[in-house]
Amino acid sequence: MNKIPIVLASDKNCDMQMYITILSAITNKKKDSFYDFYCLIPSRFSKFVDQKFKKLINKYNNVKLTFISMKNTFSHLPMQIEHITSPTFYRLKIAELLPGYDKALYLDIDTIVLKDLTQLFNTDLGNNYIGGVPAASYIIEYEKLKDYYDNIGLKDMAYYVNAGVILWNLKQIRQDNVTEKFLALTKNTYKFMDQDIINLVCYGKIKHLDFKYNIMTSYKRRFLDNPELCNKIYEIYGEANLRKAIKNPVIVHYASDLKPWIDKKVWLGNYWLNYAKKAPAKIKIKESSCTRFLKQISENKFKKLVFWGASIFLKDLIETKKIKRHKILGIIDADPSKHGKKIGDFQIYSPQELNVLKPDAVIFAIRNRNEDIYPQVQGIIKREYPNIKILPNIFCINKNTTKLPKGIIKNEICKNETNV
């Protein structure tokens, strides 16, 4: 029997997304495949949620599920990407958490599994630490990120993979003390957080997997629908192979802030929606930061606006023509190297030029580290430009806090484990 350990991580805000990923995997597994799920969570889910997971597992043969409470591990780390929370770092400790396995598969909870995972799990990793699908966006847009990656010591993006679907060589990782290297780097701040850490530490020991194992939905809008960039993504994955993967996917990954539980029209969202109908509880729909940002532009009463921050977030919205030119005077940015340049039709100005532009209000447009940067910008506006209004920070979302139990607690839900 094929016994496959599968690791997922989430907090209580995404318990049903985790449920749906597990449901899809179980539904599409072969009868002789045994899935051993490990769900890494900050603290126990509610009794209601726990019972629903138990009921799901008991419906199927050859399935086991273990909740592992990670306590407050990594909760102190700053998040650089709005829609990602600290449980993303849990995967760095997989080799410690699963001492009885030589290999394991990690899945983000924004994935849907549509085929049996045996072939993927049986991939020969050799002495590589991990296997993953190349992250095309980082390769194609390398020039924009070159200074950053040169600075952190990653000069060649050819190996770089997306961390949402990773096959882990736990035996090799333990042998080479790789977990210690992962944890050492968590002391630093990286733009793409644990994904950067994984790629830095595993550099040169990464096996590339087929695109069908991690079809990233953001690529449709960013590359496949862009005539200038479409050929570049074909070069990375192969046009025929990419088309075949999309037609017959194994794992679909909603790898952006646009999720099917936010926007039902997201590419390939129908796969997720089909399984969501079977979930025991409705998922609370949250507006994306893009939606909140665009609403702030359209719904305020001010006639003249400027953006603060020539950010990647703002650039993406402008280049996809989601922002109209009306009543926007330009973009303010503190970086002198950006002054005088443009993003689309919008000129970038220095903060001192606010006196010339004389906007009615400023819209804050920096998503990364917004909780640190917004108060600084707010202070500048109130102190130096008291006649200009700064609108609220739409990126800051209050997070619920829970008192966590001491130690790591395991709670096993087991079904038909015998004769494995």
Protein backbone atom coordinates (compact mmCIF):
# COMPACT_ATOMS: atom_id res chain seq x y z
CA MET A 1 0.00 0.00 0.00
CA ASN A 2 1.22 3.51 -0.87
CA LYS A 3 1.46 5.47 2.39
CA ILE A 4 1.83 9.19 1.73
CA PRO A 5 2.33 11.76 4.50
CA ILE A 6 0.71 15.07 3.53
CA VAL A 7 1.33 18.23 5.56
CA LEU A 8 -0.85 21.35 5.60
CA ALA A 9 -0.76 24.47 7.77
CA SER A 10 -3.42 26.97 8.75
CA ASP A 11 -4.89 29.08 11.51
CA LYS A 12 -8.53 29.00 12.62
CA ASN A 13 -9.48 31.64 10.04
CA CYS A 14 -8.92 29.16 7.21
CA ASP A 15 -10.05 25.89 8.78
CA MET A 16 -12.63 25.22 6.07
CA GLN A 17 -10.13 25.94 3.29
CA MET A 18 -7.91 23.26 4.84
CA TYR A 19 -10.93 20.95 5.02
CA ILE A 20 -11.68 21.49 1.33
CA THR A 21 -8.09 20.75 0.27
CA ILE A 22 -8.15 17.51 2.28
CA LEU A 23 -11.59 16.59 0.92
CA SER A 24 -10.39 17.02 -2.67
CA ALA A 25 -7.29 14.89 -2.04
CA ILE A 26 -9.26 12.07 -0.39
CA THR A 27 -11.96 12.11 -3.05
CA ASN A 28 -9.44 11.65 -5.85
CA LYS A 29 -7.05 9.14 -4.28
CA LYS A 30 -6.80 5.54 -5.44
CA LYS A 31 -8.14 2.80 -3.18
CA ASP A 32 -4.68 1.43 -2.43
CA SER A 33 -3.25 4.84 -1.48
CA PHE A 34 -3.04 5.66 2.23
CA TYR A 35 -3.00 9.39 3.02
CA ASP A 36 -1.49 10.32 6.38
CA PHE A 37 -2.46 13.99 6.90
CA TYR A 38 -0.68 16.27 9.37
CA CYS A 39 -2.44 19.59 9.97
CA LEU A 40 -0.19 22.18 11.61
CA ILE A 41 -2.22 24.78 13.51
CA PRO A 42 -1.45 27.50 16.10
CA SER A 43 -3.95 26.06 18.60
CA ARG A 44 -6.82 23.61 18.61
CA PHE A 45 -9.76 24.27 16.33
CA SER A 46 -13.21 24.54 17.89
CA LYS A 47 -15.03 21.33 18.86
CA PHE A 48 -17.40 21.89 15.94
CA VAL A 49 -14.55 22.04 13.42
CA ASP A 50 -12.73 19.13 15.03
CA GLN A 51 -15.86 16.99 14.79
CA LYS A 52 -16.34 17.87 11.13
CA PHE A 53 -12.78 16.81 10.29
CA LYS A 54 -13.28 13.59 12.24
CA LYS A 55 -16.54 12.89 10.42
CA LEU A 56 -14.82 13.44 7.06
CA ILE A 57 -11.95 11.08 7.87
CA ASN A 58 -14.31 8.37 9.11
CA LYS A 59 -16.15 8.35 5.79
CA TYR A 60 -13.10 7.05 3.89
CA ASN A 61 -10.79 4.08 4.06
CA ASN A 62 -7.01 4.32 4.37
CA VAL A 63 -6.92 7.84 5.74
CA LYS A 64 -5.43 9.24 8.94
CA LEU A 65 -5.37 12.81 10.23
CA THR A 66 -3.25 14.29 13.01
CA PHE A 67 -3.61 17.84 14.30
CA ILE A 68 -0.33 19.26 15.57
CA SER A 69 -0.60 22.42 17.63
CA MET A 70 2.47 24.53 16.95
CA LYS A 71 1.84 26.80 19.92
CA ASN A 72 3.14 30.32 19.18
CA THR A 73 5.97 29.16 16.92
CA PHE A 74 6.91 31.91 14.42
CA SER A 75 4.07 34.17 15.62
CA HIS A 76 6.61 36.93 16.31
CA LEU A 77 7.76 37.12 12.70
CA PRO A 78 6.57 40.09 10.58
CA MET A 79 4.40 39.18 7.60
CA GLN A 80 5.50 40.79 4.32
CA ILE A 81 2.50 39.64 2.26
CA GLU A 82 -1.00 40.60 3.37
CA HIS A 83 -2.90 37.40 2.57
CA ILE A 84 -0.29 35.11 4.19
CA THR A 85 -0.07 34.43 7.94
CA SER A 86 2.61 32.98 10.25
CA PRO A 87 1.58 29.30 9.81
CA THR A 88 3.30 29.47 6.41
CA PHE A 89 6.60 29.16 8.33
CA TYR A 90 5.53 25.89 10.00
CA ARG A 91 6.70 23.90 6.99
CA LEU A 92 10.30 24.77 7.88
CA LYS A 93 10.04 22.27 10.76
CA ILE A 94 8.55 19.36 8.81
CA ALA A 95 11.64 17.17 9.22
CA GLU A 96 11.41 17.54 13.01
CA LEU A 97 7.66 16.98 13.15
CA LEU A 98 7.64 13.79 11.05
CA PRO A 99 10.65 11.81 12.34
CA GLY A 100 9.18 8.51 11.14
CA TYR A 101 9.13 9.48 7.47
CA ASP A 102 11.90 9.89 4.90
CA LYS A 103 9.71 11.94 2.55
CA ALA A 104 6.62 14.12 2.85
CA LEU A 105 4.40 16.25 0.64
CA TYR A 106 3.44 19.78 1.69
CA LEU A 107 0.32 21.49 0.30
CA ASP A 108 -0.86 25.04 0.84
CA ILE A 109 -4.50 25.23 1.89
CA ASP A 110 -5.37 27.25 -1.23
CA THR A 111 -4.81 24.17 -3.39
CA ILE A 112 -7.21 21.65 -4.87
CA VAL A 113 -6.06 18.07 -5.56
CA LEU A 114 -7.64 16.50 -8.63
CA LYS A 115 -5.66 13.26 -9.08
CA ASP A 116 -4.02 10.57 -6.97
CA LEU A 117 -0.71 11.78 -5.50
CA THR A 118 1.25 8.54 -5.67
CA GLN A 119 3.16 9.39 -8.84
CA LEU A 120 4.15 12.77 -7.43
CA PHE A 121 5.20 11.29 -4.10
CA ASN A 122 7.28 8.57 -5.76
CA THR A 123 9.39 11.15 -7.62
CA ASP A 124 13.05 10.28 -7.06
CA LEU A 125 14.64 13.28 -5.33
CA GLY A 126 18.11 11.75 -5.20
CA ASN A 127 20.12 13.81 -2.72
CA ASN A 128 18.08 16.96 -3.39
CA TYR A 129 16.39 18.49 -0.38
CA ILE A 130 13.11 19.35 -2.09
CA GLY A 131 11.16 19.06 -5.30
CA GLY A 132 9.00 21.92 -6.54
CA VAL A 133 7.57 23.63 -9.61
CA PRO A 134 9.65 26.54 -10.98
CA ALA A 135 8.22 29.92 -10.01
CA ALA A 136 7.93 31.51 -13.45
CA SER A 137 7.04 34.97 -12.16
CA TYR A 138 10.35 35.30 -10.33
CA ILE A 139 12.29 34.13 -13.37
CA ILE A 140 10.46 36.32 -15.89
CA GLU A 141 10.53 39.41 -13.67
CA TYR A 142 14.04 38.82 -12.37
CA GLU A 143 15.37 42.20 -13.50
CA LYS A 144 12.85 43.98 -11.27
CA LEU A 145 13.98 41.92 -8.29
CA LYS A 146 17.67 41.57 -9.19
CA ASP A 147 18.98 44.04 -6.61
CA TYR A 148 16.97 42.39 -3.87
CA TYR A 149 18.09 38.85 -4.72
CA ASP A 150 21.70 39.91 -5.23
CA ASN A 151 21.55 41.46 -1.78
CA ILE A 152 20.25 38.31 -0.06
CA GLY A 153 22.72 36.11 -1.94
CA LEU A 154 20.57 34.41 -4.58
CA LYS A 155 22.14 35.33 -7.92
CA ASP A 156 20.54 32.72 -10.16
CA MET A 157 16.77 32.23 -10.20
CA ALA A 158 16.92 29.09 -12.36
CA TYR A 159 16.38 26.85 -9.32
CA TYR A 160 13.75 29.02 -7.62
CA VAL A 161 10.46 27.20 -6.94
CA ASN A 162 7.05 28.09 -5.57
CA ALA A 163 6.68 26.76 -2.02
CA GLY A 164 2.94 26.03 -2.16
CA VAL A 165 3.49 22.44 -3.29
CA ILE A 166 6.76 20.94 -2.09
CA LEU A 167 8.02 17.35 -1.97
CA TRP A 168 10.42 17.14 0.97
CA ASN A 169 13.41 14.80 1.26
CA LEU A 170 13.21 14.56 5.04
CA LYS A 171 15.99 12.01 5.35
CA GLN A 172 18.49 14.18 3.50
CA ILE A 173 17.33 17.30 5.35
CA ARG A 174 17.93 15.64 8.71
CA GLN A 175 21.26 14.23 7.58
CA ASP A 176 22.55 17.68 6.56
CA ASN A 177 20.96 19.62 9.45
CA VAL A 178 18.98 21.73 6.99
CA THR A 179 16.23 22.58 9.50
CA GLU A 180 18.78 24.47 11.62
CA LYS A 181 19.74 26.50 8.56
CA PHE A 182 16.07 27.30 7.86
CA LEU A 183 15.50 28.49 11.41
CA ALA A 184 18.67 30.58 11.44
CA LEU A 185 17.40 32.59 8.46
CA THR A 186 14.05 33.37 10.12
CA LYS A 187 15.98 36.04 12.05
CA ASN A 188 16.21 37.99 8.79
CA THR A 189 13.38 39.70 6.93
CA TYR A 190 12.70 38.48 3.40
CA LYS A 191 10.31 39.93 0.86
CA PHE A 192 8.80 36.52 0.12
CA MET A 193 9.27 35.17 3.61
CA ASP A 194 9.71 31.41 4.08
CA GLN A 195 9.67 30.79 0.33
CA ASP A 196 12.87 32.83 0.02
CA ILE A 197 14.36 30.96 2.98
CA ILE A 198 13.59 27.57 1.45
CA ASN A 199 15.08 28.55 -1.90
CA LEU A 200 18.17 30.11 -0.33
CA VAL A 201 18.99 27.13 1.87
CA CYS A 202 18.12 24.49 -0.73
CA TYR A 203 19.82 26.28 -3.64
CA GLY A 204 21.52 23.76 -5.92
CA LYS A 205 19.65 20.86 -4.32
CA ILE A 206 16.19 21.41 -5.78
CA LYS A 207 14.52 19.07 -8.26
CA HIS A 208 12.04 20.66 -10.65
CA LEU A 209 8.59 19.08 -10.88
CA ASP A 210 6.09 19.21 -13.72
CA PHE A 211 3.75 22.22 -13.91
CA LYS A 212 0.72 19.93 -13.53
CA TYR A 213 1.60 19.51 -9.85
CA ASN A 214 1.30 23.23 -9.10
CA ILE A 215 -0.79 25.15 -11.62
CA MET A 216 -0.62 28.70 -10.28
CA THR A 217 -3.76 30.57 -11.26
CA SER A 218 -2.17 34.04 -11.13
CA TYR A 219 -0.19 33.13 -14.26
CA LYS A 220 -3.28 33.34 -16.46
CA ARG A 221 -3.73 37.07 -16.03
CA ARG A 222 -0.06 37.95 -15.60
CA PHE A 223 1.46 35.93 -18.42
CA LEU A 224 -0.83 33.71 -20.50
CA ASP A 225 -3.12 36.65 -21.37
CA ASN A 226 -0.14 38.91 -22.08
CA PRO A 227 1.14 38.53 -25.67
CA GLU A 228 4.54 39.96 -24.71
CA LEU A 229 5.12 37.54 -21.82
CA CYS A 230 3.29 34.45 -23.00
CA ASN A 231 6.29 33.06 -24.89
CA LYS A 232 8.50 33.49 -21.84
CA ILE A 233 6.34 31.24 -19.73
CA TYR A 234 6.26 28.72 -22.58
CA GLU A 235 10.07 28.70 -22.50
CA ILE A 236 10.03 27.77 -18.81
CA TYR A 237 7.42 25.01 -18.86
CA GLY A 238 7.15 24.12 -22.55
CA GLU A 239 4.05 25.19 -24.45
CA ALA A 240 2.73 21.69 -25.15
CA ASN A 241 3.43 20.56 -21.58
CA LEU A 242 1.78 23.65 -20.09
CA ARG A 243 -1.36 23.25 -22.20
CA LYS A 244 -1.53 19.56 -21.31
CA ALA A 245 -1.16 20.35 -17.60
CA ILE A 246 -3.96 22.93 -17.68
CA LYS A 247 -6.23 20.50 -19.50
CA ASN A 248 -5.49 17.67 -17.07
CA PRO A 249 -4.28 19.18 -13.77
CA VAL A 250 -3.17 17.26 -10.71
CA ILE A 251 -3.00 20.21 -8.29
CA VAL A 252 -4.43 23.69 -8.85
CA HIS A 253 -2.94 26.42 -6.66
CA TYR A 254 -4.79 29.73 -6.17
CA ALA A 255 -1.48 31.48 -5.59
CA SER A 256 -2.38 35.14 -5.21
CA ASP A 257 -4.63 37.31 -3.07
CA LEU A 258 -7.47 36.47 -5.48
CA LYS A 259 -8.99 33.27 -4.13
CA PRO A 260 -12.16 31.49 -5.29
CA TRP A 261 -13.73 32.28 -1.91
CA ILE A 262 -13.16 35.99 -2.69
CA ASP A 263 -13.81 36.03 -6.43
CA LYS A 264 -15.83 33.15 -7.89
CA LYS A 265 -14.66 34.09 -11.38
CA VAL A 266 -10.99 33.43 -10.64
CA TRP A 267 -9.39 31.18 -13.26
CA LEU A 268 -10.00 27.47 -12.53
CA GLY A 269 -12.05 28.48 -9.50
CA ASN A 270 -14.78 26.06 -10.50
CA TYR A 271 -12.67 23.16 -9.18
CA TRP A 272 -12.57 24.71 -5.72
CA LEU A 273 -16.22 25.73 -5.75
CA ASN A 274 -17.31 22.18 -6.56
CA TYR A 275 -15.68 20.89 -3.35
CA ALA A 276 -16.69 23.92 -1.29
CA LYS A 277 -20.34 22.93 -1.79
CA LYS A 278 -19.59 19.80 0.26
CA ALA A 279 -17.96 21.65 3.16
CA PRO A 280 -19.80 21.45 6.52
CA ALA A 281 -19.68 25.21 7.06
CA LYS A 282 -19.83 28.20 4.75
CA ILE A 283 -16.60 30.09 4.28
CA LYS A 284 -16.73 33.71 5.36
CA ILE A 285 -16.03 35.78 2.28
CA LYS A 286 -13.48 38.54 2.74
CA GLU A 287 -12.88 41.36 0.33
CA SER A 288 -9.43 41.31 -1.23
CA SER A 289 -7.05 44.20 -0.67
CA CYS A 290 -7.49 45.07 -4.36
CA THR A 291 -11.25 45.38 -3.93
CA ARG A 292 -10.91 47.49 -0.78
CA PHE A 293 -8.31 49.71 -2.44
CA LEU A 294 -10.41 50.33 -5.57
CA LYS A 295 -13.45 51.07 -3.41
CA GLN A 296 -11.46 53.64 -1.47
CA ILE A 297 -10.63 55.42 -4.73
CA SER A 298 -14.18 55.40 -6.09
CA GLU A 299 -16.21 55.93 -2.94
CA ASN A 300 -14.45 58.87 -1.28
CA LYS A 301 -15.74 62.41 -1.85
CA PHE A 302 -12.43 64.08 -2.62
CA LYS A 303 -11.89 65.56 -6.09
CA LYS A 304 -8.09 65.49 -6.23
CA LEU A 305 -6.07 62.48 -5.02
CA VAL A 306 -2.50 61.23 -4.97
CA PHE A 307 -1.20 57.75 -4.16
CA TRP A 308 1.59 57.34 -1.63
CA GLY A 309 3.95 54.56 -2.64
CA ALA A 310 5.12 53.45 -6.10
CA SER A 311 4.60 49.86 -4.97
CA ILE A 312 4.38 46.58 -6.87
CA PHE A 313 0.77 46.34 -5.67
CA LEU A 314 -0.09 49.72 -7.23
CA LYS A 315 1.90 48.98 -10.38
CA ASP A 316 -0.06 45.77 -10.94
CA LEU A 317 -3.39 47.58 -10.63
CA ILE A 318 -2.31 50.35 -13.01
CA GLU A 319 -0.88 47.98 -15.61
CA THR A 320 -4.04 45.87 -15.60
CA LYS A 321 -6.02 49.09 -16.14
CA LYS A 322 -8.06 48.77 -12.96
CA ILE A 323 -7.33 52.38 -12.00
CA LYS A 324 -8.84 55.22 -14.01
CA ARG A 325 -6.96 58.44 -14.59
CA HIS A 326 -9.74 60.72 -13.32
CA LYS A 327 -9.00 62.73 -10.15
CA ILE A 328 -5.60 61.04 -9.62
CA LEU A 329 -2.81 63.65 -9.77
CA GLY A 330 0.09 61.22 -9.48
CA ILE A 331 2.15 59.08 -7.11
CA ILE A 332 4.24 60.22 -4.15
CA ASP A 333 7.29 58.15 -3.20
CA ALA A 334 10.17 58.84 -0.81
CA ASP A 335 12.72 57.01 -3.03
CA PRO A 336 14.66 59.67 -5.04
CA SER A 337 15.55 57.09 -7.73
CA LYS A 338 11.86 56.89 -8.70
CA HIS A 339 11.20 60.62 -8.98
CA GLY A 340 10.35 61.77 -12.50
CA LYS A 341 9.54 58.23 -13.67
CA LYS A 342 6.11 56.90 -14.50
CA ILE A 343 3.90 53.90 -13.80
CA GLY A 344 1.53 53.83 -16.74
CA ASP A 345 0.24 57.39 -17.13
CA PHE A 346 0.98 58.32 -13.53
CA GLN A 347 4.01 60.50 -12.73
CA ILE A 348 6.04 59.79 -9.59
CA TYR A 349 6.80 62.81 -7.39
CA SER A 350 8.76 63.51 -4.22
CA PRO A 351 6.87 64.19 -0.97
CA GLN A 352 8.00 67.84 -1.13
CA GLU A 353 5.99 68.27 -4.35
CA LEU A 354 2.74 67.84 -2.45
CA ASN A 355 2.83 71.62 -2.04
CA VAL A 356 2.74 71.98 -5.83
CA LEU A 357 0.18 69.24 -6.54
CA LYS A 358 -2.13 70.37 -3.72
CA PRO A 359 -4.28 67.21 -3.52
CA ASP A 360 -7.32 66.99 -1.27
CA ALA A 361 -6.30 63.57 0.02
CA VAL A 362 -3.61 60.89 -0.03
CA ILE A 363 -4.37 57.20 -0.61
CA PHE A 364 -1.79 54.90 0.98
CA ALA A 365 -0.70 52.26 -1.59
CA ILE A 366 2.05 50.23 0.12
CA ARG A 367 0.94 46.72 1.07
CA ASN A 368 4.21 45.20 2.29
CA ARG A 369 5.10 46.31 5.84
CA ASN A 370 2.07 48.61 5.77
CA GLU A 371 1.61 48.48 9.54
CA ASP A 372 5.09 49.98 10.00
CA ILE A 373 5.11 52.43 7.12
CA TYR A 374 1.57 53.87 7.30
CA PRO A 375 2.03 55.53 10.72
CA GLN A 376 5.21 57.20 9.43
CA VAL A 377 3.44 58.56 6.35
CA GLN A 378 0.47 59.59 8.46
CA GLY A 379 2.81 61.53 10.74
CA ILE A 380 4.43 63.33 7.81
CA ILE A 381 1.08 64.38 6.34
CA LYS A 382 -0.35 65.62 9.64
CA ARG A 383 2.83 67.46 10.59
CA GLU A 384 3.88 69.01 7.28
CA TYR A 385 0.68 69.09 5.20
CA PRO A 386 -2.19 69.59 7.66
CA ASN A 387 -4.61 70.66 4.91
CA ILE A 388 -4.27 67.30 3.17
CA LYS A 389 -6.30 64.31 4.38
CA ILE A 390 -4.69 60.84 4.50
CA LEU A 391 -7.28 58.09 4.03
CA PRO A 392 -7.31 54.95 6.25
CA ASN A 393 -4.88 52.09 5.69
CA ILE A 394 -7.04 49.48 3.93
CA PHE A 395 -4.28 46.84 4.15
CA CYS A 396 -4.35 46.62 7.94
CA ILE A 397 -6.69 43.85 9.04
CA ASN A 398 -7.21 43.17 12.74
CA LYS A 399 -6.27 39.63 13.59
CA ASN A 400 -7.94 37.61 16.34
CA THR A 401 -5.61 36.39 19.06
CA THR A 402 -6.01 33.17 20.98
CA LYS A 403 -4.38 31.99 24.18
CA LEU A 404 -2.26 29.05 23.14
CA PRO A 405 -1.57 25.88 25.11
CA LYS A 406 1.94 25.04 26.24
CA GLY A 407 3.94 22.51 24.30
CA ILE A 408 3.13 20.73 21.07
CA ILE A 409 -0.10 18.76 21.31
CA LYS A 410 -1.02 15.93 18.98
CA ASN A 411 -4.62 14.87 18.42
CA GLU A 412 -5.01 11.89 16.14
CA ILE A 413 -8.02 11.00 14.05
CA CYS A 414 -7.43 7.56 12.57
CA LYS A 415 -9.38 5.39 10.17
CA ASN A 416 -8.36 1.97 8.80
CA GLU A 417 -4.67 2.24 9.62
CA THR A 418 -4.20 -1.51 10.03
CA ASN A 419 -2.37 -3.65 7.46
CA VAL A 420 -0.43 -0.71 6.08
